[in-house]
Every structure is written in structure tokens, then in C-alpha cells.
PDB file of all heavy atoms in Angstrom:
ATOM      1  N   LEU A   1       0.820  -1.208   0.000  1.00  0.00           N
ATOM      2  CA  LEU A   1       0.000   0.000   0.000  1.00  0.00           C
ATOM      3  C   LEU A   1       0.854   1.258   0.000  1.00  0.00           C
ATOM      4  O   LEU A   1       0.383   2.329  -0.379  1.00  0.00           O
ATOM      5  CB  LEU A   1      -0.921   0.011   1.228  1.00  0.00           C
ATOM      6  CG  LEU A   1      -1.990  -1.082   1.299  1.00  0.00           C
ATOM      7  CD1 LEU A   1      -2.718  -0.995   2.636  1.00  0.00           C
ATOM      8  CD2 LEU A   1      -2.968  -0.951   0.149  1.00  0.00           C
ATOM      9  N   LEU A   2       2.101   1.136   0.465  1.00  0.00           N
ATOM     10  CA  LEU A   2       2.980   2.288   0.631  1.00  0.00           C
ATOM     11  C   LEU A   2       4.168   2.197  -0.310  1.00  0.00           C
ATOM     12  O   LEU A   2       4.653   1.106  -0.619  1.00  0.00           O
ATOM     13  CB  LEU A   2       3.495   2.355   2.074  1.00  0.00           C
ATOM     14  CG  LEU A   2       2.450   2.577   3.160  1.00  0.00           C
ATOM     15  CD1 LEU A   2       3.062   2.361   4.534  1.00  0.00           C
ATOM     16  CD2 LEU A   2       1.850   3.972   3.062  1.00  0.00           C
ATOM     17  N   THR A   3       4.646   3.357  -0.724  1.00  0.00           N
ATOM     18  CA  THR A   3       5.869   3.396  -1.509  1.00  0.00           C
ATOM     19  C   THR A   3       7.079   3.319  -0.581  1.00  0.00           C
ATOM     20  O   THR A   3       6.977   3.581   0.623  1.00  0.00           O
ATOM     21  CB  THR A   3       5.957   4.685  -2.335  1.00  0.00           C
ATOM     22  OG1 THR A   3       6.076   5.805  -1.424  1.00  0.00           O
ATOM     23  CG2 THR A   3       4.712   4.864  -3.202  1.00  0.00           C
ATOM     24  N   ASP A   4       8.221   2.991  -1.153  1.00  0.00           N
ATOM     25  CA  ASP A   4       9.448   2.984  -0.356  1.00  0.00           C
ATOM     26  C   ASP A   4       9.720   4.362   0.229  1.00  0.00           C
ATOM     27  O   ASP A   4      10.217   4.484   1.360  1.00  0.00           O
ATOM     28  CB  ASP A   4      10.639   2.551  -1.218  1.00  0.00           C
ATOM     29  CG  ASP A   4      10.572   1.082  -1.618  1.00  0.00           C
ATOM     30  OD1 ASP A   4       9.805   0.322  -0.999  1.00  0.00           O
ATOM     31  OD2 ASP A   4      11.293   0.702  -2.560  1.00  0.00           O
ATOM     32  N   GLU A   5       9.380   5.404  -0.527  1.00  0.00           N
ATOM     33  CA  GLU A   5       9.614   6.775  -0.061  1.00  0.00           C
ATOM     34  C   GLU A   5       8.738   7.095   1.153  1.00  0.00           C
ATOM     35  O   GLU A   5       9.190   7.772   2.087  1.00  0.00           O
ATOM     36  CB  GLU A   5       9.338   7.772  -1.187  1.00  0.00           C
ATOM     37  CG  GLU A   5      10.340   7.745  -2.330  1.00  0.00           C
ATOM     38  CD  GLU A   5      10.153   6.550  -3.252  1.00  0.00           C
ATOM     39  OE1 GLU A   5       9.075   5.916  -3.226  1.00  0.00           O
ATOM     40  OE2 GLU A   5      11.112   6.240  -4.007  1.00  0.00           O
ATOM     41  N   GLN A   6       7.507   6.621   1.151  1.00  0.00           N
ATOM     42  CA  GLN A   6       6.628   6.867   2.294  1.00  0.00           C
ATOM     43  C   GLN A   6       7.121   6.141   3.543  1.00  0.00           C
ATOM     44  O   GLN A   6       7.111   6.701   4.639  1.00  0.00           O
ATOM     45  CB  GLN A   6       5.203   6.423   1.955  1.00  0.00           C
ATOM     46  CG  GLN A   6       4.489   7.346   0.985  1.00  0.00           C
ATOM     47  CD  GLN A   6       3.134   6.796   0.575  1.00  0.00           C
ATOM     48  OE1 GLN A   6       3.005   5.612   0.244  1.00  0.00           O
ATOM     49  NE2 GLN A   6       2.116   7.646   0.588  1.00  0.00           N
ATOM     50  N   VAL A   7       7.553   4.900   3.379  1.00  0.00           N
ATOM     51  CA  VAL A   7       8.071   4.151   4.517  1.00  0.00           C
ATOM     52  C   VAL A   7       9.320   4.826   5.069  1.00  0.00           C
ATOM     53  O   VAL A   7       9.485   4.968   6.292  1.00  0.00           O
ATOM     54  CB  VAL A   7       8.356   2.692   4.126  1.00  0.00           C
ATOM     55  CG1 VAL A   7       9.044   1.952   5.269  1.00  0.00           C
ATOM     56  CG2 VAL A   7       7.066   1.978   3.732  1.00  0.00           C
ATOM     57  N   GLU A   8      10.205   5.275   4.171  1.00  0.00           N
ATOM     58  CA  GLU A   8      11.424   5.938   4.621  1.00  0.00           C
ATOM     59  C   GLU A   8      11.103   7.254   5.328  1.00  0.00           C
ATOM     60  O   GLU A   8      11.739   7.609   6.329  1.00  0.00           O
ATOM     61  CB  GLU A   8      12.350   6.187   3.436  1.00  0.00           C
ATOM     62  CG  GLU A   8      13.686   6.801   3.811  1.00  0.00           C
ATOM     63  CD  GLU A   8      14.435   5.994   4.856  1.00  0.00           C
ATOM     64  OE1 GLU A   8      14.379   4.748   4.803  1.00  0.00           O
ATOM     65  OE2 GLU A   8      15.068   6.615   5.736  1.00  0.00           O
ATOM     66  N   ALA A   9      10.097   7.977   4.840  1.00  0.00           N
ATOM     67  CA  ALA A   9       9.694   9.222   5.492  1.00  0.00           C
ATOM     68  C   ALA A   9       9.183   8.943   6.899  1.00  0.00           C
ATOM     69  O   ALA A   9       9.467   9.699   7.843  1.00  0.00           O
ATOM     70  CB  ALA A   9       8.626   9.931   4.670  1.00  0.00           C
ATOM     71  N   TYR A  10       8.435   7.851   7.061  1.00  0.00           N
ATOM     72  CA  TYR A  10       7.947   7.486   8.399  1.00  0.00           C
ATOM     73  C   TYR A  10       9.115   7.172   9.327  1.00  0.00           C
ATOM     74  O   TYR A  10       9.154   7.626  10.470  1.00  0.00           O
ATOM     75  CB  TYR A  10       7.011   6.288   8.303  1.00  0.00           C
ATOM     76  CG  TYR A  10       6.535   5.796   9.649  1.00  0.00           C
ATOM     77  CD1 TYR A  10       5.462   6.400  10.291  1.00  0.00           C
ATOM     78  CD2 TYR A  10       7.175   4.732  10.290  1.00  0.00           C
ATOM     79  CE1 TYR A  10       5.039   5.967  11.536  1.00  0.00           C
ATOM     80  CE2 TYR A  10       6.754   4.289  11.530  1.00  0.00           C
ATOM     81  CZ  TYR A  10       5.684   4.907  12.152  1.00  0.00           C
ATOM     82  OH  TYR A  10       5.277   4.483  13.383  1.00  0.00           O
ATOM     83  N   HIS A  11      10.076   6.397   8.833  1.00  0.00           N
ATOM     84  CA  HIS A  11      11.230   6.053   9.667  1.00  0.00           C
ATOM     85  C   HIS A  11      12.048   7.294  10.024  1.00  0.00           C
ATOM     86  O   HIS A  11      12.582   7.400  11.137  1.00  0.00           O
ATOM     87  CB  HIS A  11      12.117   5.045   8.934  1.00  0.00           C
ATOM     88  CG  HIS A  11      11.478   3.709   8.788  1.00  0.00           C
ATOM     89  ND1 HIS A  11      11.870   2.787   7.835  1.00  0.00           N
ATOM     90  CD2 HIS A  11      10.453   3.116   9.466  1.00  0.00           C
ATOM     91  CE1 HIS A  11      11.135   1.699   7.941  1.00  0.00           C
ATOM     92  NE2 HIS A  11      10.266   1.877   8.916  1.00  0.00           N
ATOM     93  N   ARG A  12      12.131   8.241   9.107  1.00  0.00           N
ATOM     94  CA  ARG A  12      12.910   9.466   9.344  1.00  0.00           C
ATOM     95  C   ARG A  12      12.201  10.405  10.306  1.00  0.00           C
ATOM     96  O   ARG A  12      12.812  10.951  11.236  1.00  0.00           O
ATOM     97  CB  ARG A  12      13.145  10.174   8.008  1.00  0.00           C
ATOM     98  CG  ARG A  12      13.953  11.481   8.134  1.00  0.00           C
ATOM     99  CD  ARG A  12      13.935  12.235   6.807  1.00  0.00           C
ATOM    100  NE  ARG A  12      12.624  12.743   6.473  1.00  0.00           N
ATOM    101  CZ  ARG A  12      11.980  12.470   5.322  1.00  0.00           C
ATOM    102  NH1 ARG A  12      12.532  11.704   4.393  1.00  0.00           N
ATOM    103  NH2 ARG A  12      10.778  12.973   5.110  1.00  0.00           N
ATOM    104  N   ASP A  13      10.895  10.602  10.101  1.00  0.00           N
ATOM    105  CA  ASP A  13      10.155  11.632  10.822  1.00  0.00           C
ATOM    106  C   ASP A  13       9.386  11.100  12.036  1.00  0.00           C
ATOM    107  O   ASP A  13       8.978  11.878  12.902  1.00  0.00           O
ATOM    108  CB  ASP A  13       9.163  12.320   9.884  1.00  0.00           C
ATOM    109  CG  ASP A  13       9.850  13.013   8.719  1.00  0.00           C
ATOM    110  OD1 ASP A  13      11.021  13.404   8.863  1.00  0.00           O
ATOM    111  OD2 ASP A  13       9.207  13.160   7.655  1.00  0.00           O
ATOM    112  N   GLY A  14       9.122   9.800  12.047  1.00  0.00           N
ATOM    113  CA  GLY A  14       8.292   9.251  13.114  1.00  0.00           C
ATOM    114  C   GLY A  14       6.821   9.490  12.908  1.00  0.00           C
ATOM    115  O   GLY A  14       6.019   9.279  13.832  1.00  0.00           O
ATOM    116  N   LEU A  15       6.427   9.870  11.705  1.00  0.00           N
ATOM    117  CA  LEU A  15       5.024  10.132  11.396  1.00  0.00           C
ATOM    118  C   LEU A  15       4.801  10.107   9.891  1.00  0.00           C
ATOM    119  O   LEU A  15       5.747  10.284   9.109  1.00  0.00           O
ATOM    120  CB  LEU A  15       4.587  11.479  11.962  1.00  0.00           C
ATOM    121  CG  LEU A  15       5.271  12.710  11.358  1.00  0.00           C
ATOM    122  CD1 LEU A  15       4.352  13.420  10.359  1.00  0.00           C
ATOM    123  CD2 LEU A  15       5.684  13.687  12.457  1.00  0.00           C
ATOM    124  N   LEU A  16       3.564   9.874   9.502  1.00  0.00           N
ATOM    125  CA  LEU A  16       3.200   9.868   8.090  1.00  0.00           C
ATOM    126  C   LEU A  16       1.718  10.195   7.964  1.00  0.00           C
ATOM    127  O   LEU A  16       0.877   9.558   8.605  1.00  0.00           O
ATOM    128  CB  LEU A  16       3.479   8.491   7.475  1.00  0.00           C
ATOM    129  CG  LEU A  16       3.262   8.349   5.975  1.00  0.00           C
ATOM    130  CD1 LEU A  16       4.265   9.188   5.181  1.00  0.00           C
ATOM    131  CD2 LEU A  16       3.343   6.882   5.550  1.00  0.00           C
ATOM    132  N   VAL A  17       1.395  11.203   7.148  1.00  0.00           N
ATOM    133  CA  VAL A  17       0.007  11.569   6.861  1.00  0.00           C
ATOM    134  C   VAL A  17      -0.432  10.822   5.604  1.00  0.00           C
ATOM    135  O   VAL A  17       0.235  10.885   4.566  1.00  0.00           O
ATOM    136  CB  VAL A  17      -0.145  13.090   6.655  1.00  0.00           C
ATOM    137  CG1 VAL A  17      -1.595  13.440   6.315  1.00  0.00           C
ATOM    138  CG2 VAL A  17       0.318  13.852   7.888  1.00  0.00           C
ATOM    139  N   LEU A  18      -1.544  10.114   5.684  1.00  0.00           N
ATOM    140  CA  LEU A  18      -2.067   9.350   4.557  1.00  0.00           C
ATOM    141  C   LEU A  18      -3.518   9.742   4.306  1.00  0.00           C
ATOM    142  O   LEU A  18      -4.278   9.968   5.252  1.00  0.00           O
ATOM    143  CB  LEU A  18      -1.983   7.848   4.831  1.00  0.00           C
ATOM    144  CG  LEU A  18      -0.573   7.265   4.944  1.00  0.00           C
ATOM    145  CD1 LEU A  18      -0.638   5.816   5.408  1.00  0.00           C
ATOM    146  CD2 LEU A  18       0.153   7.362   3.604  1.00  0.00           C
ATOM    147  N   ARG A  19      -3.871   9.799   3.055  1.00  0.00           N
ATOM    148  CA  ARG A  19      -5.226  10.200   2.668  1.00  0.00           C
ATOM    149  C   ARG A  19      -6.077   8.981   2.317  1.00  0.00           C
ATOM    150  O   ARG A  19      -5.594   8.026   1.710  1.00  0.00           O
ATOM    151  CB  ARG A  19      -5.164  11.127   1.449  1.00  0.00           C
ATOM    152  CG  ARG A  19      -4.278  12.360   1.652  1.00  0.00           C
ATOM    153  CD  ARG A  19      -4.826  13.289   2.707  1.00  0.00           C
ATOM    154  NE  ARG A  19      -3.992  14.494   2.889  1.00  0.00           N
ATOM    155  CZ  ARG A  19      -4.249  15.448   3.767  1.00  0.00           C
ATOM    156  NH1 ARG A  19      -5.325  15.355   4.543  1.00  0.00           N
ATOM    157  NH2 ARG A  19      -3.449  16.488   3.875  1.00  0.00           N
ATOM    158  N   GLY A  20      -7.348   9.034   2.704  1.00  0.00           N
ATOM    159  CA  GLY A  20      -8.298   8.010   2.287  1.00  0.00           C
ATOM    160  C   GLY A  20      -7.967   6.619   2.773  1.00  0.00           C
ATOM    161  O   GLY A  20      -8.185   5.639   2.063  1.00  0.00           O
ATOM    162  N   VAL A  21      -7.472   6.514   4.001  1.00  0.00           N
ATOM    163  CA  VAL A  21      -7.141   5.202   4.559  1.00  0.00           C
ATOM    164  C   VAL A  21      -8.412   4.372   4.757  1.00  0.00           C
ATOM    165  O   VAL A  21      -8.417   3.166   4.541  1.00  0.00           O
ATOM    166  CB  VAL A  21      -6.361   5.369   5.870  1.00  0.00           C
ATOM    167  CG1 VAL A  21      -6.288   4.077   6.659  1.00  0.00           C
ATOM    168  CG2 VAL A  21      -4.953   5.882   5.582  1.00  0.00           C
ATOM    169  N   LEU A  22      -9.484   5.016   5.183  1.00  0.00           N
ATOM    170  CA  LEU A  22     -10.782   4.356   5.282  1.00  0.00           C
ATOM    171  C   LEU A  22     -11.652   4.743   4.095  1.00  0.00           C
ATOM    172  O   LEU A  22     -11.634   5.887   3.648  1.00  0.00           O
ATOM    173  CB  LEU A  22     -11.503   4.749   6.575  1.00  0.00           C
ATOM    174  CG  LEU A  22     -10.863   4.376   7.910  1.00  0.00           C
ATOM    175  CD1 LEU A  22     -11.807   4.745   9.056  1.00  0.00           C
ATOM    176  CD2 LEU A  22     -10.493   2.911   7.976  1.00  0.00           C
ATOM    177  N   THR A  23     -12.420   3.793   3.596  1.00  0.00           N
ATOM    178  CA  THR A  23     -13.403   4.070   2.561  1.00  0.00           C
ATOM    179  C   THR A  23     -14.572   4.848   3.174  1.00  0.00           C
ATOM    180  O   THR A  23     -14.728   4.877   4.409  1.00  0.00           O
ATOM    181  CB  THR A  23     -13.940   2.777   1.956  1.00  0.00           C
ATOM    182  OG1 THR A  23     -14.690   2.065   2.958  1.00  0.00           O
ATOM    183  CG2 THR A  23     -12.800   1.882   1.446  1.00  0.00           C
ATOM    184  N   PRO A  24     -15.424   5.483   2.360  1.00  0.00           N
ATOM    185  CA  PRO A  24     -16.596   6.159   2.927  1.00  0.00           C
ATOM    186  C   PRO A  24     -17.464   5.227   3.771  1.00  0.00           C
ATOM    187  O   PRO A  24     -18.001   5.643   4.813  1.00  0.00           O
ATOM    188  CB  PRO A  24     -17.345   6.655   1.685  1.00  0.00           C
ATOM    189  CG  PRO A  24     -16.264   6.873   0.666  1.00  0.00           C
ATOM    190  CD  PRO A  24     -15.280   5.759   0.912  1.00  0.00           C
ATOM    191  N   GLU A  25     -17.594   3.977   3.347  1.00  0.00           N
ATOM    192  CA  GLU A  25     -18.390   3.025   4.122  1.00  0.00           C
ATOM    193  C   GLU A  25     -17.725   2.738   5.468  1.00  0.00           C
ATOM    194  O   GLU A  25     -18.402   2.615   6.498  1.00  0.00           O
ATOM    195  CB  GLU A  25     -18.556   1.723   3.332  1.00  0.00           C
ATOM    196  CG  GLU A  25     -19.404   1.843   2.076  1.00  0.00           C
ATOM    197  CD  GLU A  25     -18.660   2.500   0.910  1.00  0.00           C
ATOM    198  OE1 GLU A  25     -17.402   2.587   0.958  1.00  0.00           O
ATOM    199  OE2 GLU A  25     -19.346   2.930  -0.038  1.00  0.00           O
ATOM    200  N   GLU A  26     -16.402   2.656   5.469  1.00  0.00           N
ATOM    201  CA  GLU A  26     -15.687   2.415   6.721  1.00  0.00           C
ATOM    202  C   GLU A  26     -15.718   3.633   7.639  1.00  0.00           C
ATOM    203  O   GLU A  26     -15.757   3.487   8.867  1.00  0.00           O
ATOM    204  CB  GLU A  26     -14.249   1.997   6.420  1.00  0.00           C
ATOM    205  CG  GLU A  26     -14.151   0.591   5.832  1.00  0.00           C
ATOM    206  CD  GLU A  26     -12.759   0.269   5.338  1.00  0.00           C
ATOM    207  OE1 GLU A  26     -12.002   1.200   4.981  1.00  0.00           O
ATOM    208  OE2 GLU A  26     -12.424  -0.931   5.278  1.00  0.00           O
ATOM    209  N   VAL A  27     -15.713   4.831   7.052  1.00  0.00           N
ATOM    210  CA  VAL A  27     -15.855   6.032   7.863  1.00  0.00           C
ATOM    211  C   VAL A  27     -17.194   5.998   8.602  1.00  0.00           C
ATOM    212  O   VAL A  27     -17.274   6.329   9.797  1.00  0.00           O
ATOM    213  CB  VAL A  27     -15.734   7.303   7.003  1.00  0.00           C
ATOM    214  CG1 VAL A  27     -16.139   8.543   7.801  1.00  0.00           C
ATOM    215  CG2 VAL A  27     -14.315   7.467   6.479  1.00  0.00           C
ATOM    216  N   GLU A  28     -18.237   5.575   7.904  1.00  0.00           N
ATOM    217  CA  GLU A  28     -19.543   5.487   8.552  1.00  0.00           C
ATOM    218  C   GLU A  28     -19.527   4.436   9.660  1.00  0.00           C
ATOM    219  O   GLU A  28     -20.126   4.633  10.734  1.00  0.00           O
ATOM    220  CB  GLU A  28     -20.625   5.144   7.527  1.00  0.00           C
ATOM    221  CG  GLU A  28     -22.042   5.234   8.058  1.00  0.00           C
ATOM    222  CD  GLU A  28     -22.355   6.585   8.698  1.00  0.00           C
ATOM    223  OE1 GLU A  28     -21.913   7.632   8.190  1.00  0.00           O
ATOM    224  OE2 GLU A  28     -23.059   6.583   9.739  1.00  0.00           O
ATOM    225  N   LEU A  29     -18.834   3.321   9.444  1.00  0.00           N
ATOM    226  CA  LEU A  29     -18.687   2.323  10.500  1.00  0.00           C
ATOM    227  C   LEU A  29     -17.984   2.917  11.717  1.00  0.00           C
ATOM    228  O   LEU A  29     -18.367   2.667  12.868  1.00  0.00           O
ATOM    229  CB  LEU A  29     -17.880   1.128   9.987  1.00  0.00           C
ATOM    230  CG  LEU A  29     -18.600   0.022   9.225  1.00  0.00           C
ATOM    231  CD1 LEU A  29     -17.588  -1.043   8.809  1.00  0.00           C
ATOM    232  CD2 LEU A  29     -19.700  -0.600  10.069  1.00  0.00           C
ATOM    233  N   ALA A  30     -16.930   3.698  11.463  1.00  0.00           N
ATOM    234  CA  ALA A  30     -16.198   4.336  12.562  1.00  0.00           C
ATOM    235  C   ALA A  30     -17.104   5.296  13.324  1.00  0.00           C
ATOM    236  O   ALA A  30     -17.066   5.350  14.568  1.00  0.00           O
ATOM    237  CB  ALA A  30     -14.968   5.051  12.026  1.00  0.00           C
ATOM    238  N   ARG A  31     -17.921   6.064  12.595  1.00  0.00           N
ATOM    239  CA  ARG A  31     -18.860   6.968  13.276  1.00  0.00           C
ATOM    240  C   ARG A  31     -19.824   6.189  14.155  1.00  0.00           C
ATOM    241  O   ARG A  31     -20.104   6.562  15.293  1.00  0.00           O
ATOM    242  CB  ARG A  31     -19.628   7.784  12.241  1.00  0.00           C
ATOM    243  CG  ARG A  31     -18.785   8.835  11.512  1.00  0.00           C
ATOM    244  CD  ARG A  31     -19.628   9.602  10.516  1.00  0.00           C
ATOM    245  NE  ARG A  31     -18.840  10.604   9.814  1.00  0.00           N
ATOM    246  CZ  ARG A  31     -18.881  10.790   8.492  1.00  0.00           C
ATOM    247  NH1 ARG A  31     -19.682  10.047   7.737  1.00  0.00           N
ATOM    248  NH2 ARG A  31     -18.132  11.711   7.937  1.00  0.00           N
ATOM    249  N   GLU A  32     -20.340   5.081  13.614  1.00  0.00           N
ATOM    250  CA  GLU A  32     -21.263   4.259  14.389  1.00  0.00           C
ATOM    251  C   GLU A  32     -20.581   3.718  15.641  1.00  0.00           C
ATOM    252  O   GLU A  32     -21.172   3.695  16.731  1.00  0.00           O
ATOM    253  CB  GLU A  32     -21.773   3.095  13.534  1.00  0.00           C
ATOM    254  CG  GLU A  32     -22.659   3.505  12.374  1.00  0.00           C
ATOM    255  CD  GLU A  32     -22.976   2.339  11.453  1.00  0.00           C
ATOM    256  OE1 GLU A  32     -22.573   1.182  11.781  1.00  0.00           O
ATOM    257  OE2 GLU A  32     -23.610   2.560  10.403  1.00  0.00           O
ATOM    258  N   GLY A  33     -19.332   3.275  15.487  1.00  0.00           N
ATOM    259  CA  GLY A  33     -18.607   2.748  16.629  1.00  0.00           C
ATOM    260  C   GLY A  33     -18.355   3.801  17.691  1.00  0.00           C
ATOM    261  O   GLY A  33     -18.514   3.541  18.892  1.00  0.00           O
ATOM    262  N   ILE A  34     -17.974   4.997  17.262  1.00  0.00           N
ATOM    263  CA  ILE A  34     -17.733   6.081  18.213  1.00  0.00           C
ATOM    264  C   ILE A  34     -19.023   6.470  18.925  1.00  0.00           C
ATOM    265  O   ILE A  34     -19.041   6.703  20.146  1.00  0.00           O
ATOM    266  CB  ILE A  34     -17.098   7.289  17.505  1.00  0.00           C
ATOM    267  CG1 ILE A  34     -15.673   6.944  17.048  1.00  0.00           C
ATOM    268  CG2 ILE A  34     -17.084   8.521  18.411  1.00  0.00           C
ATOM    269  CD1 ILE A  34     -15.047   7.976  16.145  1.00  0.00           C
ATOM    270  N   GLU A  35     -20.119   6.545  18.178  1.00  0.00           N
ATOM    271  CA  GLU A  35     -21.393   6.886  18.806  1.00  0.00           C
ATOM    272  C   GLU A  35     -21.814   5.818  19.813  1.00  0.00           C
ATOM    273  O   GLU A  35     -22.380   6.141  20.871  1.00  0.00           O
ATOM    274  CB  GLU A  35     -22.476   7.076  17.736  1.00  0.00           C
ATOM    275  CG  GLU A  35     -22.280   8.329  16.889  1.00  0.00           C
ATOM    276  CD  GLU A  35     -22.149   9.588  17.751  1.00  0.00           C
ATOM    277  OE1 GLU A  35     -23.026   9.812  18.606  1.00  0.00           O
ATOM    278  OE2 GLU A  35     -21.157  10.327  17.578  1.00  0.00           O
ATOM    279  N   ALA A  36     -21.519   4.551  19.528  1.00  0.00           N
ATOM    280  CA  ALA A  36     -21.826   3.482  20.487  1.00  0.00           C
ATOM    281  C   ALA A  36     -21.011   3.655  21.760  1.00  0.00           C
ATOM    282  O   ALA A  36     -21.513   3.446  22.866  1.00  0.00           O
ATOM    283  CB  ALA A  36     -21.552   2.119  19.849  1.00  0.00           C
ATOM    284  N   VAL A  37     -19.758   4.069  21.625  1.00  0.00           N
ATOM    285  CA  VAL A  37     -18.911   4.332  22.783  1.00  0.00           C
ATOM    286  C   VAL A  37     -19.486   5.473  23.610  1.00  0.00           C
ATOM    287  O   VAL A  37     -19.538   5.410  24.848  1.00  0.00           O
ATOM    288  CB  VAL A  37     -17.476   4.646  22.327  1.00  0.00           C
ATOM    289  CG1 VAL A  37     -16.655   5.236  23.475  1.00  0.00           C
ATOM    290  CG2 VAL A  37     -16.797   3.403  21.772  1.00  0.00           C
ATOM    291  N   LEU A  38     -19.950   6.536  22.942  1.00  0.00           N
ATOM    292  CA  LEU A  38     -20.480   7.693  23.660  1.00  0.00           C
ATOM    293  C   LEU A  38     -21.812   7.382  24.342  1.00  0.00           C
ATOM    294  O   LEU A  38     -22.120   7.927  25.404  1.00  0.00           O
ATOM    295  CB  LEU A  38     -20.639   8.871  22.695  1.00  0.00           C
ATOM    296  CG  LEU A  38     -19.347   9.449  22.106  1.00  0.00           C
ATOM    297  CD1 LEU A  38     -19.674  10.549  21.108  1.00  0.00           C
ATOM    298  CD2 LEU A  38     -18.425   9.970  23.205  1.00  0.00           C
ATOM    299  N   ARG A  39     -22.594   6.492  23.736  1.00  0.00           N
ATOM    300  CA  ARG A  39     -23.893   6.141  24.328  1.00  0.00           C
ATOM    301  C   ARG A  39     -23.736   5.323  25.603  1.00  0.00           C
ATOM    302  O   ARG A  39     -24.514   5.464  26.541  1.00  0.00           O
ATOM    303  CB  ARG A  39     -24.742   5.343  23.324  1.00  0.00           C
ATOM    304  CG  ARG A  39     -25.432   6.155  22.273  1.00  0.00           C
ATOM    305  CD  ARG A  39     -26.537   5.350  21.612  1.00  0.00           C
ATOM    306  NE  ARG A  39     -26.058   4.067  21.097  1.00  0.00           N
ATOM    307  CZ  ARG A  39     -25.549   3.886  19.880  1.00  0.00           C
ATOM    308  NH1 ARG A  39     -25.446   4.910  19.049  1.00  0.00           N
ATOM    309  NH2 ARG A  39     -25.156   2.688  19.486  1.00  0.00           N
ATOM    310  N   GLU A  40     -22.748   4.451  25.608  1.00  0.00           N
ATOM    311  CA  GLU A  40     -22.582   3.530  26.730  1.00  0.00           C
ATOM    312  C   GLU A  40     -21.139   3.592  27.209  1.00  0.00           C
ATOM    313  O   GLU A  40     -20.243   3.001  26.603  1.00  0.00           O
ATOM    314  CB  GLU A  40     -22.950   2.106  26.323  1.00  0.00           C
ATOM    315  CG  GLU A  40     -22.959   1.145  27.491  1.00  0.00           C
ATOM    316  CD  GLU A  40     -23.534  -0.210  27.113  1.00  0.00           C
ATOM    317  OE1 GLU A  40     -24.229  -0.302  26.076  1.00  0.00           O
ATOM    318  OE2 GLU A  40     -23.289  -1.172  27.854  1.00  0.00           O
ATOM    319  N   SER A  41     -20.900   4.295  28.284  1.00  0.00           N
ATOM    320  CA  SER A  41     -19.554   4.456  28.802  1.00  0.00           C
ATOM    321  C   SER A  41     -18.957   3.117  29.211  1.00  0.00           C
ATOM    322  O   SER A  41     -19.658   2.211  29.670  1.00  0.00           O
ATOM    323  CB  SER A  41     -19.564   5.389  30.018  1.00  0.00           C
ATOM    324  OG  SER A  41     -19.993   6.684  29.648  1.00  0.00           O
ATOM    325  N   GLY A  42     -17.636   3.006  29.036  1.00  0.00           N
ATOM    326  CA  GLY A  42     -16.930   1.814  29.469  1.00  0.00           C
ATOM    327  C   GLY A  42     -16.243   2.045  30.799  1.00  0.00           C
ATOM    328  O   GLY A  42     -16.316   3.124  31.396  1.00  0.00           O
ATOM    329  N   MET A  43     -15.535   1.023  31.266  1.00  0.00           N
ATOM    330  CA  MET A  43     -14.833   1.109  32.542  1.00  0.00           C
ATOM    331  C   MET A  43     -13.704   2.129  32.500  1.00  0.00           C
ATOM    332  O   MET A  43     -13.273   2.628  33.539  1.00  0.00           O
ATOM    333  CB  MET A  43     -14.270  -0.267  32.909  1.00  0.00           C
ATOM    334  CG  MET A  43     -15.329  -1.314  33.190  1.00  0.00           C
ATOM    335  SD  MET A  43     -16.288  -0.964  34.683  1.00  0.00           S
ATOM    336  CE  MET A  43     -15.032  -1.205  35.939  1.00  0.00           C
ATOM    337  N   LEU A  44     -13.208   2.449  31.300  1.00  0.00           N
ATOM    338  CA  LEU A  44     -12.060   3.340  31.166  1.00  0.00           C
ATOM    339  C   LEU A  44     -12.435   4.709  30.605  1.00  0.00           C
ATOM    340  O   LEU A  44     -11.565   5.525  30.325  1.00  0.00           O
ATOM    341  CB  LEU A  44     -10.994   2.691  30.284  1.00  0.00           C
ATOM    342  CG  LEU A  44     -10.473   1.334  30.766  1.00  0.00           C
ATOM    343  CD1 LEU A  44      -9.470   0.751  29.777  1.00  0.00           C
ATOM    344  CD2 LEU A  44      -9.845   1.456  32.155  1.00  0.00           C
TER     345      LEU A  44
END
């Protein structure tokens, strides 16, 4: 998924910004998951 240049940038900088890691459908799943967390608090 990554180019050699991106991996090297991560190793050099300790960070990497990537676009579109989640699909729109997965973004909606993440929203649903976060809302479930907010509705029902956990032990932590």
C-alpha cells in the first residue's frame, strides 16, 4: 500500500500523513462505533 519513499519518510520523521485510509463506508462504521462508545460508557 505504501511506496518505499513513504516508509522511509515514516522512519525518518516518526510520522506519516495518509489520505483516504478508510473508505466512505468504513468512515460510517467508525462513526457508528464512536457513537456506540459515547452512548454507553466503558470502565475506562
